[in-house]
N, C-alpha and C. Protein backbone atom coordinates (compact mmCIF):
# COMPACT_ATOMS: atom_id res chain seq x y z
N MET A 1 63.12 -20.94 18.53
CA MET A 1 63.97 -19.99 18.53
C MET A 1 64.17 -19.26 17.43
N ASN A 2 63.77 -20.95 16.22
CA ASN A 2 64.60 -20.75 15.14
C ASN A 2 63.58 -20.44 14.34
N SER A 3 62.05 -19.91 14.87
CA SER A 3 61.38 -18.62 13.93
C SER A 3 61.79 -18.04 13.78
N LEU A 4 61.93 -17.08 14.97
CA LEU A 4 62.65 -15.76 15.14
C LEU A 4 63.71 -15.16 14.19
N PRO A 5 63.63 -13.69 13.75
CA PRO A 5 64.72 -13.80 12.94
C PRO A 5 65.81 -13.86 12.99
N VAL A 6 66.90 -13.97 12.48
CA VAL A 6 68.28 -14.04 12.20
C VAL A 6 68.57 -12.64 13.23
N SER A 7 68.26 -11.25 13.30
CA SER A 7 68.71 -10.80 13.98
C SER A 7 68.10 -10.26 15.31
N ILE A 8 67.16 -10.93 15.43
CA ILE A 8 66.56 -11.07 16.89
C ILE A 8 67.05 -12.04 17.51
N GLN A 9 67.70 -13.03 17.40
CA GLN A 9 68.09 -14.46 17.91
C GLN A 9 69.37 -13.74 18.49
N THR A 10 70.69 -13.23 17.32
CA THR A 10 72.10 -12.61 17.34
C THR A 10 71.85 -11.31 18.45
N PHE A 11 71.55 -10.97 18.05
CA PHE A 11 71.60 -9.62 19.03
C PHE A 11 70.57 -9.55 20.06
N GLY A 12 69.65 -9.96 20.62
CA GLY A 12 68.39 -10.68 21.39
C GLY A 12 69.98 -11.12 22.59
N LEU A 13 70.25 -12.50 22.04
CA LEU A 13 71.14 -12.66 22.53
C LEU A 13 72.69 -12.49 22.99
N LEU A 14 73.51 -11.57 22.14
CA LEU A 14 74.16 -10.64 22.78
C LEU A 14 73.89 -10.00 23.88
N ALA A 15 73.07 -9.00 23.87
CA ALA A 15 72.45 -8.07 24.74
C ALA A 15 72.14 -8.78 26.35
N LEU A 16 71.38 -10.17 26.16
CA LEU A 16 71.75 -10.85 27.15
C LEU A 16 73.04 -11.29 27.65
N SER A 17 74.12 -11.42 26.93
CA SER A 17 75.25 -12.12 27.14
C SER A 17 75.99 -10.85 27.70
N ASN A 18 75.63 -9.60 27.90
CA ASN A 18 76.13 -8.61 27.68
C ASN A 18 75.69 -8.34 29.00
N VAL A 19 74.70 -8.56 29.68
CA VAL A 19 74.32 -8.49 30.90
C VAL A 19 74.95 -9.32 32.31
N PHE A 20 75.15 -10.44 31.34
CA PHE A 20 76.30 -11.48 32.36
C PHE A 20 77.42 -10.97 32.31
N MET A 21 77.80 -10.34 31.27
CA MET A 21 79.32 -9.86 31.02
C MET A 21 79.36 -8.96 31.98
N THR A 22 78.65 -7.88 32.24
CA THR A 22 78.86 -6.57 32.55
C THR A 22 79.07 -6.96 34.40
N PHE A 23 77.84 -7.76 34.65
CA PHE A 23 78.09 -8.14 36.61
C PHE A 23 79.17 -8.94 36.41
N ALA A 24 79.86 -9.55 35.48
CA ALA A 24 81.00 -10.61 35.91
C ALA A 24 82.10 -9.70 35.91
N TRP A 25 82.31 -8.77 35.29
CA TRP A 25 83.58 -7.81 35.36
C TRP A 25 83.82 -6.56 35.82
N TYR A 26 82.25 -6.39 36.53
CA TYR A 26 82.48 -5.17 37.69
C TYR A 26 81.77 -5.05 38.73
N ALA A 27 80.41 -5.83 38.54
CA ALA A 27 79.75 -6.47 40.03
C ALA A 27 81.38 -6.72 41.35
N HIS A 28 81.22 -6.96 40.97
CA HIS A 28 81.95 -7.73 42.29
C HIS A 28 83.17 -6.53 42.74
N LEU A 29 83.07 -5.44 42.43
CA LEU A 29 83.86 -3.96 42.47
C LEU A 29 83.19 -3.57 44.29
N ARG A 30 81.64 -4.12 43.81
CA ARG A 30 80.79 -3.61 44.94
C ARG A 30 80.27 -4.55 45.69
N ASP A 31 79.67 -6.10 45.59
CA ASP A 31 79.03 -6.77 45.92
C ASP A 31 81.06 -7.64 47.01
N LEU A 32 81.78 -7.61 46.32
CA LEU A 32 82.94 -8.25 47.01
C LEU A 32 84.21 -7.54 47.26
N ALA A 33 83.97 -6.60 47.50
CA ALA A 33 84.96 -5.63 47.90
C ALA A 33 86.38 -6.47 48.72
N ALA A 34 85.28 -6.75 50.06
CA ALA A 34 85.87 -7.00 51.17
C ALA A 34 86.60 -8.34 50.85
N LYS A 35 86.53 -9.04 49.84
CA LYS A 35 86.69 -10.27 49.75
C LYS A 35 88.43 -9.80 48.65
N PRO A 36 89.01 -11.26 48.90
CA PRO A 36 90.06 -11.62 48.27
C PRO A 36 89.89 -11.14 46.68
N TRP A 37 90.93 -10.80 46.10
CA TRP A 37 90.87 -11.28 43.98
C TRP A 37 90.75 -11.80 43.56
N TRP A 38 91.02 -13.36 44.17
CA TRP A 38 90.76 -14.59 44.05
C TRP A 38 89.43 -15.15 44.01
N VAL A 39 88.37 -14.73 44.97
CA VAL A 39 86.88 -15.05 45.08
C VAL A 39 86.56 -14.26 44.14
N ALA A 40 86.73 -13.20 43.90
CA ALA A 40 85.50 -12.42 42.87
C ALA A 40 86.23 -12.56 41.24
N ALA A 41 87.75 -13.21 41.64
CA ALA A 41 87.77 -14.00 40.28
C ALA A 41 87.02 -14.69 39.60
N LEU A 42 87.15 -15.63 40.49
CA LEU A 42 86.02 -16.85 40.99
C LEU A 42 84.32 -17.27 40.46
N VAL A 43 84.64 -16.18 40.85
CA VAL A 43 82.79 -15.89 41.21
C VAL A 43 82.34 -15.28 39.61
N SER A 44 83.00 -14.36 39.49
CA SER A 44 83.05 -13.82 37.61
C SER A 44 83.45 -14.71 36.85
N TRP A 45 83.90 -15.65 36.93
CA TRP A 45 83.97 -17.25 35.84
C TRP A 45 82.96 -17.41 35.92
N GLY A 46 82.35 -17.41 37.10
CA GLY A 46 81.11 -18.84 37.14
C GLY A 46 80.28 -18.13 35.68
N ILE A 47 80.20 -16.40 36.66
CA ILE A 47 78.85 -15.58 35.51
C ILE A 47 78.90 -15.08 34.11
N ALA A 48 80.30 -15.45 34.00
CA ALA A 48 81.64 -15.15 32.42
C ALA A 48 80.85 -17.08 31.87
N LEU A 49 80.52 -17.98 32.10
CA LEU A 49 80.38 -19.10 31.70
C LEU A 49 79.25 -18.90 30.98
N ALA A 50 78.19 -18.02 31.73
CA ALA A 50 76.69 -17.64 31.86
C ALA A 50 76.70 -16.93 30.30
N GLU A 51 77.22 -16.08 30.42
CA GLU A 51 77.83 -15.01 29.19
C GLU A 51 78.23 -15.61 28.42
N TYR A 52 79.08 -16.88 27.95
CA TYR A 52 79.96 -17.15 27.11
C TYR A 52 78.69 -18.26 26.11
N MET A 53 78.16 -18.74 27.12
CA MET A 53 76.47 -19.87 27.15
C MET A 53 75.73 -19.09 25.79
N LEU A 54 75.65 -17.61 26.27
CA LEU A 54 74.77 -17.14 24.92
C LEU A 54 75.15 -16.12 24.18
N GLN A 55 76.97 -15.69 24.17
CA GLN A 55 77.76 -14.88 22.95
C GLN A 55 78.26 -15.79 22.28
N VAL A 56 77.98 -17.41 22.40
CA VAL A 56 78.93 -17.92 21.27
C VAL A 56 78.06 -18.45 20.01
N PRO A 57 76.74 -18.86 20.51
CA PRO A 57 75.55 -19.03 19.78
C PRO A 57 75.11 -17.75 19.25
N ALA A 58 75.21 -16.66 20.32
CA ALA A 58 74.93 -15.52 19.12
C ALA A 58 75.60 -15.37 17.83
N ASN A 59 76.88 -15.14 17.82
CA ASN A 59 77.83 -15.02 16.95
C ASN A 59 78.09 -15.87 15.94
N ARG A 60 77.56 -17.04 16.35
CA ARG A 60 77.51 -17.98 15.44
C ARG A 60 76.29 -18.34 14.23
N ILE A 61 75.10 -17.53 14.86
CA ILE A 61 74.09 -17.47 14.39
C ILE A 61 74.15 -16.41 13.10
N GLY A 62 74.11 -15.86 13.95
CA GLY A 62 74.42 -14.32 13.36
C GLY A 62 75.45 -13.98 12.48
N TYR A 63 76.66 -15.00 12.51
CA TYR A 63 77.70 -14.89 11.38
C TYR A 63 77.32 -16.24 10.27
N ALA A 64 76.82 -17.53 10.36
CA ALA A 64 75.91 -18.10 9.96
C ALA A 64 74.50 -17.30 9.04
N GLY A 65 73.81 -16.67 8.74
CA GLY A 65 72.54 -15.46 9.14
C GLY A 65 72.86 -14.44 8.03
N GLY A 66 74.60 -14.33 7.89
CA GLY A 66 75.30 -13.41 7.18
C GLY A 66 75.54 -12.18 7.45
N TYR A 67 75.71 -11.50 8.98
CA TYR A 67 76.46 -10.61 9.44
C TYR A 67 77.89 -11.18 9.32
N SER A 68 78.70 -9.54 9.09
CA SER A 68 80.41 -9.99 8.97
C SER A 68 80.62 -10.23 10.08
N LEU A 69 81.69 -10.41 10.37
CA LEU A 69 82.62 -10.40 11.61
C LEU A 69 82.75 -8.86 12.46
N ALA A 70 83.37 -8.47 11.45
CA ALA A 70 83.04 -6.45 11.74
C ALA A 70 81.51 -6.15 12.43
N GLN A 71 80.45 -6.26 11.52
CA GLN A 71 79.64 -6.03 11.83
C GLN A 71 78.80 -5.95 13.11
N LEU A 72 79.05 -8.41 13.44
CA LEU A 72 78.99 -8.41 14.73
C LEU A 72 79.89 -8.09 16.30
N LYS A 73 81.32 -7.71 15.88
CA LYS A 73 82.12 -6.55 16.77
C LYS A 73 81.21 -5.45 17.34
N ILE A 74 81.08 -4.57 16.07
CA ILE A 74 80.64 -3.47 15.93
C ILE A 74 79.51 -3.72 17.14
N SER A 75 78.09 -4.11 16.64
CA SER A 75 77.28 -4.60 17.50
C SER A 75 77.63 -4.60 18.41
N GLN A 76 78.33 -5.25 19.42
CA GLN A 76 79.02 -5.88 20.56
C GLN A 76 79.05 -4.71 21.29
N GLU A 77 79.79 -4.08 20.67
CA GLU A 77 80.47 -2.68 21.61
C GLU A 77 79.16 -2.02 21.93
N VAL A 78 78.17 -1.72 20.65
CA VAL A 78 77.29 -0.88 21.32
C VAL A 78 76.18 -1.62 22.41
N ILE A 79 75.76 -2.51 22.17
CA ILE A 79 75.27 -3.07 22.93
C ILE A 79 75.75 -3.07 24.20
N THR A 80 77.38 -3.10 24.40
CA THR A 80 78.33 -3.28 25.66
C THR A 80 77.70 -2.01 26.14
N LEU A 81 76.99 -0.76 25.62
CA LEU A 81 77.62 1.28 25.95
C LEU A 81 75.95 0.47 26.52
N ALA A 82 75.04 0.03 25.99
CA ALA A 82 73.76 0.36 26.01
C ALA A 82 74.00 -0.69 27.14
N VAL A 83 74.15 -1.62 27.70
CA VAL A 83 73.80 -2.34 29.22
C VAL A 83 74.88 -1.47 30.03
N PHE A 84 75.86 -1.00 29.43
CA PHE A 84 76.96 -0.51 30.84
C PHE A 84 76.35 0.51 31.70
N VAL A 85 75.53 1.75 30.37
CA VAL A 85 75.47 2.76 31.02
C VAL A 85 74.38 2.93 32.62
N PRO A 86 72.73 1.70 32.10
CA PRO A 86 72.26 1.86 33.03
C PRO A 86 72.79 0.98 34.18
N PHE A 87 73.35 0.16 33.96
CA PHE A 87 74.79 -0.77 35.13
C PHE A 87 74.92 -0.19 36.17
N SER A 88 76.38 1.02 35.36
CA SER A 88 77.10 1.79 36.20
C SER A 88 76.09 2.89 36.50
N ILE A 89 75.05 3.50 36.29
CA ILE A 89 74.28 4.10 37.00
C ILE A 89 73.56 3.89 38.49
N TYR A 90 72.14 2.65 37.67
CA TYR A 90 71.57 2.09 38.56
C TYR A 90 72.21 0.65 39.52
N TYR A 91 72.69 -0.13 39.35
CA TYR A 91 73.58 -0.69 40.14
C TYR A 91 74.92 0.04 40.76
N MET A 92 75.74 0.17 40.15
CA MET A 92 77.29 0.59 41.26
C MET A 92 77.38 2.07 41.61
N GLY A 93 75.39 2.96 41.14
CA GLY A 93 75.30 4.27 41.87
C GLY A 93 76.45 5.27 41.42
N GLN A 94 76.81 5.19 40.09
CA GLN A 94 77.55 6.71 39.47
C GLN A 94 76.61 7.07 38.96
N PRO A 95 77.15 8.38 39.05
CA PRO A 95 76.43 9.67 38.58
C PRO A 95 75.88 9.87 37.11
N PHE A 96 74.75 10.00 36.19
CA PHE A 96 75.12 10.19 35.02
C PHE A 96 76.20 11.22 33.90
N LYS A 97 76.76 11.09 32.68
CA LYS A 97 78.13 11.52 32.48
C LYS A 97 77.53 11.71 31.48
N TRP A 98 77.37 13.11 30.42
CA TRP A 98 76.79 13.43 29.11
C TRP A 98 78.14 12.72 28.26
N ASP A 99 79.34 12.26 28.56
CA ASP A 99 80.23 11.22 27.93
C ASP A 99 79.97 10.19 27.40
N TYR A 100 79.05 9.30 28.14
CA TYR A 100 78.27 8.37 27.57
C TYR A 100 77.52 8.38 26.56
N VAL A 101 76.51 10.05 26.09
CA VAL A 101 75.81 10.14 25.28
C VAL A 101 76.90 10.19 23.94
N TRP A 102 78.05 10.79 24.56
CA TRP A 102 79.22 11.23 23.31
C TRP A 102 79.47 9.80 22.51
N ALA A 103 80.03 9.16 23.66
CA ALA A 103 80.45 7.81 23.08
C ALA A 103 79.69 7.44 22.29
N GLY A 104 78.05 7.04 22.88
CA GLY A 104 77.16 6.14 21.79
C GLY A 104 77.12 7.16 20.73
N LEU A 105 77.07 8.20 20.25
CA LEU A 105 77.08 8.92 19.13
C LEU A 105 78.15 8.42 18.29
N CYS A 106 79.61 8.11 19.00
CA CYS A 106 80.48 7.90 18.37
C CYS A 106 80.07 6.28 17.53
N LEU A 107 79.69 5.42 18.13
CA LEU A 107 79.50 4.39 17.94
C LEU A 107 78.11 4.17 17.56
N MET A 108 77.57 5.07 17.23
CA MET A 108 76.10 5.02 16.61
C MET A 108 77.22 5.20 14.67
N GLY A 109 78.14 5.91 14.38
CA GLY A 109 78.64 6.51 13.29
C GLY A 109 79.36 5.13 12.85
N ALA A 110 79.90 4.16 14.06
CA ALA A 110 80.86 2.81 13.56
C ALA A 110 79.67 2.48 13.09
N VAL A 111 78.78 2.17 13.48
CA VAL A 111 77.42 1.39 13.08
C VAL A 111 76.90 1.85 11.90
N TYR A 112 76.81 2.89 11.31
CA TYR A 112 76.61 3.52 10.18
C TYR A 112 77.59 2.73 9.42
N PHE A 113 78.86 3.08 9.27
CA PHE A 113 80.15 2.85 8.76
C PHE A 113 80.06 1.10 8.05
N ILE A 114 79.94 0.28 9.44
CA ILE A 114 80.43 -1.23 9.31
C ILE A 114 79.15 -1.35 8.60
N PHE A 115 77.31 -1.43 8.87
CA PHE A 115 76.52 -1.66 7.83
C PHE A 115 76.16 -1.03 6.84
N ARG A 116 76.80 -0.15 6.23
CA ARG A 116 76.41 0.15 4.84
C ARG A 116 76.99 0.20 3.81
N SER A 117 76.45 -0.48 2.82
CA SER A 117 77.37 -1.56 1.54
C SER A 117 76.83 -0.86 0.45
């Protein structure tokens, strides 16, 4: 993996970690709705462990590779929305909303400002 560019390592791992994060935070609303909250919390913690096993190295690689803390955070938010929208539509069965597009455009503005030099 070290032969891959820092950007691919960082943002690829962040994207994968976000898949786990999104499932940890929201999938229990569909899949464990009939279970007590503490069961959902335990299952979510197990999923979140996988998220952290990807997210921590992603941020360390990115930070050591020259990305600022702010750049990593804003990138994380963009990735979160990019993972959340398909998850909410296809997995949770929520309708598409134009607000997703507007939110994405706002985040692209944040990317512009945080990455300009």
